[in-house]
């Protein structure tokens, strides 16, 4: 596993990254930095830990919304078996999104180790 130095909200972090995952990690870091900067710049929250929690929740909410937004409307003539299959796929997508959120929170906890745990 490779280590990559990143900067979030003006603070440097050394993060573990699988080989070949640097671009994806940099994209995630940019997203977290943008979200945290937006919260900080709004001026209502000053504590880094609270900013991180709010950013994580905002990003997690957007991630959880993705399967719903991507789902096509159900056609009126759709059979009940097809509808059940669609519900199963949506349920699987929600579980996958929840697992991704847990992974993101775990990574944030690791990155913010000096600042304390998020949740």
N, C-alpha and C. Protein backbone atom coordinates (compact mmCIF):
# COMPACT_ATOMS: atom_id res chain seq x y z
N UNK A 1 0.85 -1.17 0.00
CA UNK A 1 0.00 0.00 0.00
C UNK A 1 0.90 1.24 0.00
N UNK A 2 0.56 2.17 -0.82
CA UNK A 2 1.33 3.39 -0.99
C UNK A 2 0.82 4.47 -0.03
N UNK A 3 1.68 5.40 0.36
CA UNK A 3 1.26 6.52 1.18
C UNK A 3 1.29 7.79 0.33
N UNK A 4 0.23 8.58 0.45
CA UNK A 4 0.09 9.80 -0.33
C UNK A 4 -0.15 10.95 0.63
N UNK A 5 0.57 12.05 0.44
CA UNK A 5 0.35 13.24 1.26
C UNK A 5 -0.68 14.12 0.57
N UNK A 6 -1.70 14.51 1.32
CA UNK A 6 -2.77 15.36 0.79
C UNK A 6 -2.98 16.53 1.74
N UNK A 7 -3.68 17.53 1.26
CA UNK A 7 -4.01 18.69 2.09
C UNK A 7 -5.52 18.88 2.08
N UNK A 8 -6.07 18.95 3.28
CA UNK A 8 -7.50 19.20 3.44
C UNK A 8 -7.64 20.36 4.41
N UNK A 9 -8.33 21.38 3.99
CA UNK A 9 -8.58 22.56 4.81
C UNK A 9 -7.26 23.14 5.34
N UNK A 10 -6.24 23.14 4.48
CA UNK A 10 -4.95 23.72 4.83
C UNK A 10 -4.06 22.87 5.71
N UNK A 11 -4.49 21.67 6.04
CA UNK A 11 -3.70 20.79 6.89
C UNK A 11 -3.30 19.55 6.10
N UNK A 12 -2.02 19.16 6.23
CA UNK A 12 -1.51 18.00 5.51
C UNK A 12 -1.81 16.70 6.25
N UNK A 13 -2.11 15.67 5.47
CA UNK A 13 -2.36 14.33 6.00
C UNK A 13 -1.62 13.33 5.14
N UNK A 14 -1.10 12.30 5.75
CA UNK A 14 -0.46 11.21 5.05
C UNK A 14 -1.45 10.04 5.07
N UNK A 15 -1.94 9.66 3.88
CA UNK A 15 -2.99 8.64 3.78
C UNK A 15 -2.47 7.41 3.05
N UNK A 16 -2.93 6.25 3.49
CA UNK A 16 -2.63 5.02 2.78
C UNK A 16 -3.50 4.95 1.54
N UNK A 17 -2.92 4.46 0.45
CA UNK A 17 -3.64 4.40 -0.82
C UNK A 17 -3.21 3.15 -1.57
N UNK A 18 -4.16 2.36 -2.07
CA UNK A 18 -3.78 1.19 -2.86
C UNK A 18 -3.09 1.62 -4.15
N UNK A 19 -2.19 0.79 -4.64
CA UNK A 19 -1.51 1.08 -5.90
C UNK A 19 -2.54 1.32 -7.00
N UNK A 20 -2.36 2.38 -7.74
CA UNK A 20 -3.27 2.70 -8.82
C UNK A 20 -4.49 3.50 -8.38
N UNK A 21 -4.64 3.74 -7.09
CA UNK A 21 -5.81 4.46 -6.59
C UNK A 21 -5.57 5.93 -6.31
N UNK A 22 -4.41 6.44 -6.72
CA UNK A 22 -4.05 7.82 -6.42
C UNK A 22 -5.03 8.84 -6.99
N UNK A 23 -5.43 8.63 -8.25
CA UNK A 23 -6.34 9.57 -8.89
C UNK A 23 -7.69 9.60 -8.17
N UNK A 24 -8.20 8.43 -7.84
CA UNK A 24 -9.47 8.35 -7.13
C UNK A 24 -9.35 9.00 -5.75
N UNK A 25 -8.24 8.76 -5.05
CA UNK A 25 -8.02 9.37 -3.74
C UNK A 25 -7.95 10.89 -3.86
N UNK A 26 -7.24 11.39 -4.86
CA UNK A 26 -7.13 12.85 -5.05
C UNK A 26 -8.50 13.46 -5.36
N UNK A 27 -9.31 12.75 -6.11
CA UNK A 27 -10.67 13.23 -6.40
C UNK A 27 -11.49 13.29 -5.11
N UNK A 28 -11.38 12.26 -4.27
CA UNK A 28 -12.09 12.23 -3.00
C UNK A 28 -11.60 13.35 -2.09
N UNK A 29 -10.29 13.54 -2.03
CA UNK A 29 -9.71 14.60 -1.19
C UNK A 29 -10.21 15.96 -1.65
N UNK A 30 -10.23 16.19 -2.96
CA UNK A 30 -10.71 17.47 -3.49
C UNK A 30 -12.17 17.70 -3.10
N UNK A 31 -12.96 16.64 -3.15
CA UNK A 31 -14.37 16.76 -2.79
C UNK A 31 -14.53 17.09 -1.30
N UNK A 32 -13.78 16.40 -0.45
CA UNK A 32 -13.85 16.66 1.00
C UNK A 32 -13.34 18.07 1.30
N UNK A 33 -12.24 18.47 0.67
CA UNK A 33 -11.68 19.80 0.91
C UNK A 33 -12.67 20.88 0.47
N UNK A 34 -13.29 20.70 -0.68
CA UNK A 34 -14.28 21.65 -1.19
C UNK A 34 -15.45 21.77 -0.23
N UNK A 35 -15.94 20.62 0.24
CA UNK A 35 -17.09 20.61 1.16
C UNK A 35 -16.74 21.28 2.48
N UNK A 36 -15.58 20.92 3.03
CA UNK A 36 -15.17 21.50 4.32
C UNK A 36 -14.91 23.00 4.19
N UNK A 37 -14.29 23.40 3.09
CA UNK A 37 -14.02 24.83 2.88
C UNK A 37 -15.33 25.61 2.77
N UNK A 38 -16.30 25.04 2.08
CA UNK A 38 -17.60 25.70 1.95
C UNK A 38 -18.27 25.90 3.30
N UNK A 39 -18.20 24.89 4.16
CA UNK A 39 -18.80 24.99 5.50
C UNK A 39 -18.05 26.04 6.32
N UNK A 40 -16.71 25.97 6.28
CA UNK A 40 -15.90 26.94 7.02
C UNK A 40 -16.16 28.36 6.52
N UNK A 41 -16.21 28.54 5.21
CA UNK A 41 -16.38 29.87 4.63
C UNK A 41 -17.77 30.45 4.88
N UNK A 42 -18.73 29.58 5.16
CA UNK A 42 -20.07 30.07 5.50
C UNK A 42 -20.04 30.79 6.84
N UNK A 43 -19.02 30.50 7.66
CA UNK A 43 -18.79 31.25 8.88
C UNK A 43 -19.57 30.84 10.11
N UNK A 44 -20.43 29.84 9.99
CA UNK A 44 -21.25 29.46 11.14
C UNK A 44 -20.59 28.42 12.02
N UNK A 45 -19.65 27.65 11.47
CA UNK A 45 -18.97 26.60 12.22
C UNK A 45 -17.47 26.85 12.15
N UNK A 46 -16.81 26.83 13.30
CA UNK A 46 -15.38 27.11 13.33
C UNK A 46 -14.53 25.89 13.68
N UNK A 47 -15.04 24.98 14.50
CA UNK A 47 -14.25 23.83 14.96
C UNK A 47 -14.04 22.86 13.81
N UNK A 48 -12.78 22.50 13.59
CA UNK A 48 -12.41 21.59 12.50
C UNK A 48 -13.17 20.27 12.58
N UNK A 49 -13.31 19.72 13.77
CA UNK A 49 -14.01 18.44 13.92
C UNK A 49 -15.47 18.55 13.50
N UNK A 50 -16.14 19.63 13.89
CA UNK A 50 -17.54 19.82 13.51
C UNK A 50 -17.67 20.03 12.00
N UNK A 51 -16.72 20.77 11.43
CA UNK A 51 -16.72 20.98 9.98
C UNK A 51 -16.58 19.63 9.28
N UNK A 52 -15.67 18.78 9.78
CA UNK A 52 -15.45 17.46 9.19
C UNK A 52 -16.70 16.59 9.27
N UNK A 53 -17.36 16.62 10.42
CA UNK A 53 -18.59 15.82 10.58
C UNK A 53 -19.67 16.31 9.63
N UNK A 54 -19.87 17.61 9.54
CA UNK A 54 -20.90 18.15 8.64
C UNK A 54 -20.57 17.84 7.18
N UNK A 55 -19.30 17.96 6.81
CA UNK A 55 -18.89 17.64 5.44
C UNK A 55 -19.13 16.16 5.15
N UNK A 56 -18.74 15.29 6.09
CA UNK A 56 -18.95 13.85 5.91
C UNK A 56 -20.43 13.53 5.75
N UNK A 57 -21.27 14.16 6.55
CA UNK A 57 -22.70 13.92 6.45
C UNK A 57 -23.26 14.43 5.12
N UNK A 58 -22.82 15.61 4.68
CA UNK A 58 -23.27 16.14 3.39
C UNK A 58 -22.87 15.21 2.25
N UNK A 59 -21.63 14.76 2.25
CA UNK A 59 -21.15 13.87 1.20
C UNK A 59 -21.85 12.51 1.26
N UNK A 60 -22.05 12.00 2.46
CA UNK A 60 -22.73 10.72 2.63
C UNK A 60 -24.18 10.81 2.15
N UNK A 61 -24.83 11.92 2.43
CA UNK A 61 -26.21 12.11 1.99
C UNK A 61 -26.28 12.11 0.47
N UNK A 62 -25.35 12.83 -0.17
CA UNK A 62 -25.32 12.85 -1.63
C UNK A 62 -25.06 11.45 -2.20
N UNK A 63 -24.16 10.72 -1.55
CA UNK A 63 -23.85 9.36 -1.99
C UNK A 63 -25.07 8.46 -1.85
N UNK A 64 -25.79 8.60 -0.75
CA UNK A 64 -26.99 7.79 -0.54
C UNK A 64 -28.10 8.15 -1.53
N UNK A 65 -28.14 9.39 -1.98
CA UNK A 65 -29.14 9.83 -2.95
C UNK A 65 -28.88 9.28 -4.35
N UNK A 66 -27.64 8.97 -4.65
CA UNK A 66 -27.27 8.57 -6.02
C UNK A 66 -28.08 7.40 -6.56
N UNK A 67 -28.24 6.29 -5.81
CA UNK A 67 -29.03 5.18 -6.37
C UNK A 67 -30.48 5.58 -6.66
N UNK A 68 -31.05 6.43 -5.81
CA UNK A 68 -32.43 6.87 -6.02
C UNK A 68 -32.53 7.73 -7.26
N UNK A 69 -31.58 8.65 -7.44
CA UNK A 69 -31.60 9.55 -8.57
C UNK A 69 -31.36 8.80 -9.88
N UNK A 70 -30.57 7.73 -9.82
CA UNK A 70 -30.25 6.97 -11.02
C UNK A 70 -31.35 5.99 -11.40
N UNK A 71 -32.24 5.68 -10.48
CA UNK A 71 -33.31 4.71 -10.75
C UNK A 71 -34.31 5.32 -11.74
N UNK A 72 -34.64 4.53 -12.75
CA UNK A 72 -35.62 4.99 -13.74
C UNK A 72 -37.02 4.85 -13.17
N UNK A 73 -37.95 5.72 -13.60
CA UNK A 73 -39.33 5.57 -13.14
C UNK A 73 -39.90 4.22 -13.57
N UNK A 74 -40.74 3.64 -12.75
CA UNK A 74 -41.33 2.34 -13.04
C UNK A 74 -42.47 2.53 -14.04
N UNK A 75 -42.45 1.73 -15.10
CA UNK A 75 -43.50 1.78 -16.10
C UNK A 75 -44.78 1.20 -15.52
N UNK A 76 -45.96 1.76 -15.85
CA UNK A 76 -47.21 1.26 -15.28
C UNK A 76 -47.47 -0.21 -15.59
N UNK A 77 -47.01 -0.73 -16.74
CA UNK A 77 -47.29 -2.12 -17.12
C UNK A 77 -46.28 -3.10 -16.54
N UNK A 78 -45.39 -2.64 -15.68
CA UNK A 78 -44.35 -3.52 -15.13
C UNK A 78 -44.99 -4.60 -14.26
N UNK A 79 -44.50 -5.83 -14.39
CA UNK A 79 -45.05 -6.93 -13.60
C UNK A 79 -44.59 -6.83 -12.16
N UNK A 80 -45.27 -7.52 -11.27
CA UNK A 80 -44.90 -7.50 -9.86
C UNK A 80 -43.55 -8.16 -9.64
N UNK A 81 -43.20 -9.17 -10.44
CA UNK A 81 -41.88 -9.82 -10.33
C UNK A 81 -40.78 -8.84 -10.70
N UNK A 82 -41.00 -8.07 -11.76
CA UNK A 82 -40.02 -7.07 -12.16
C UNK A 82 -39.91 -5.97 -11.11
N UNK A 83 -41.04 -5.60 -10.53
CA UNK A 83 -41.02 -4.58 -9.49
C UNK A 83 -40.25 -5.08 -8.27
N UNK A 84 -40.47 -6.35 -7.90
CA UNK A 84 -39.75 -6.93 -6.76
C UNK A 84 -38.26 -6.98 -7.04
N UNK A 85 -37.90 -7.32 -8.28
CA UNK A 85 -36.48 -7.34 -8.66
C UNK A 85 -35.89 -5.94 -8.55
N UNK A 86 -36.64 -4.94 -8.99
CA UNK A 86 -36.18 -3.54 -8.90
C UNK A 86 -36.00 -3.11 -7.45
N UNK A 87 -36.94 -3.52 -6.59
CA UNK A 87 -36.82 -3.20 -5.17
C UNK A 87 -35.59 -3.85 -4.56
N UNK A 88 -35.32 -5.10 -4.95
CA UNK A 88 -34.14 -5.80 -4.45
C UNK A 88 -32.87 -5.08 -4.88
N UNK A 89 -32.80 -4.65 -6.15
CA UNK A 89 -31.63 -3.93 -6.64
C UNK A 89 -31.46 -2.61 -5.89
N UNK A 90 -32.56 -1.90 -5.64
CA UNK A 90 -32.49 -0.64 -4.91
C UNK A 90 -32.01 -0.88 -3.49
N UNK A 91 -32.48 -1.97 -2.87
CA UNK A 91 -32.04 -2.30 -1.52
C UNK A 91 -30.55 -2.61 -1.50
N UNK A 92 -30.08 -3.36 -2.49
CA UNK A 92 -28.65 -3.68 -2.59
C UNK A 92 -27.84 -2.40 -2.79
N UNK A 93 -28.35 -1.48 -3.61
CA UNK A 93 -27.65 -0.22 -3.85
C UNK A 93 -27.57 0.60 -2.56
N UNK A 94 -28.64 0.59 -1.76
CA UNK A 94 -28.61 1.33 -0.48
C UNK A 94 -27.60 0.72 0.47
N UNK A 95 -27.54 -0.63 0.51
CA UNK A 95 -26.55 -1.30 1.37
C UNK A 95 -25.13 -0.98 0.91
N UNK A 96 -24.92 -0.96 -0.39
CA UNK A 96 -23.59 -0.64 -0.93
C UNK A 96 -23.23 0.81 -0.60
N UNK A 97 -24.20 1.72 -0.71
CA UNK A 97 -23.94 3.12 -0.38
C UNK A 97 -23.63 3.27 1.11
N UNK A 98 -24.36 2.54 1.95
CA UNK A 98 -24.09 2.60 3.40
C UNK A 98 -22.70 2.08 3.72
N UNK A 99 -22.28 1.02 3.03
CA UNK A 99 -20.94 0.48 3.24
C UNK A 99 -19.89 1.50 2.80
N UNK A 100 -20.14 2.20 1.70
CA UNK A 100 -19.21 3.23 1.23
C UNK A 100 -19.14 4.38 2.23
N UNK A 101 -20.26 4.74 2.82
CA UNK A 101 -20.28 5.80 3.83
C UNK A 101 -19.45 5.38 5.04
N UNK A 102 -19.63 4.14 5.48
CA UNK A 102 -18.85 3.64 6.62
C UNK A 102 -17.35 3.67 6.31
N UNK A 103 -16.99 3.29 5.10
CA UNK A 103 -15.59 3.32 4.68
C UNK A 103 -15.07 4.75 4.69
N UNK A 104 -15.87 5.68 4.18
CA UNK A 104 -15.47 7.09 4.16
C UNK A 104 -15.27 7.61 5.57
N UNK A 105 -16.18 7.30 6.47
CA UNK A 105 -16.06 7.76 7.86
C UNK A 105 -14.82 7.15 8.50
N UNK A 106 -14.57 5.88 8.23
CA UNK A 106 -13.38 5.23 8.77
C UNK A 106 -12.11 5.90 8.25
N UNK A 107 -12.08 6.22 6.97
CA UNK A 107 -10.91 6.91 6.41
C UNK A 107 -10.75 8.30 7.00
N UNK A 108 -11.86 8.99 7.20
CA UNK A 108 -11.79 10.32 7.84
C UNK A 108 -11.29 10.20 9.27
N UNK A 109 -11.76 9.19 9.99
CA UNK A 109 -11.28 8.95 11.35
C UNK A 109 -9.78 8.74 11.36
N UNK A 110 -9.30 7.94 10.41
CA UNK A 110 -7.87 7.66 10.32
C UNK A 110 -7.10 8.93 9.99
N UNK A 111 -7.60 9.70 9.03
CA UNK A 111 -6.92 10.93 8.61
C UNK A 111 -6.93 11.98 9.71
N UNK A 112 -7.98 12.01 10.49
CA UNK A 112 -8.11 13.03 11.53
C UNK A 112 -7.72 12.48 12.90
N UNK A 113 -6.92 11.44 12.93
CA UNK A 113 -6.56 10.77 14.18
C UNK A 113 -6.07 11.76 15.25
N UNK A 114 -5.27 12.73 14.86
CA UNK A 114 -4.77 13.70 15.83
C UNK A 114 -5.87 14.61 16.37
N UNK A 115 -6.92 14.79 15.59
CA UNK A 115 -8.01 15.69 15.99
C UNK A 115 -9.12 14.96 16.75
N UNK A 116 -9.06 13.65 16.82
CA UNK A 116 -10.09 12.88 17.50
C UNK A 116 -10.99 12.19 16.51
N UNK A 117 -11.81 11.27 17.00
CA UNK A 117 -12.70 10.50 16.16
C UNK A 117 -13.90 11.33 15.77
N UNK A 118 -14.43 11.06 14.58
CA UNK A 118 -15.60 11.80 14.10
C UNK A 118 -16.87 11.39 14.82
N UNK A 119 -17.11 10.09 14.88
CA UNK A 119 -18.38 9.61 15.46
C UNK A 119 -18.11 8.61 16.54
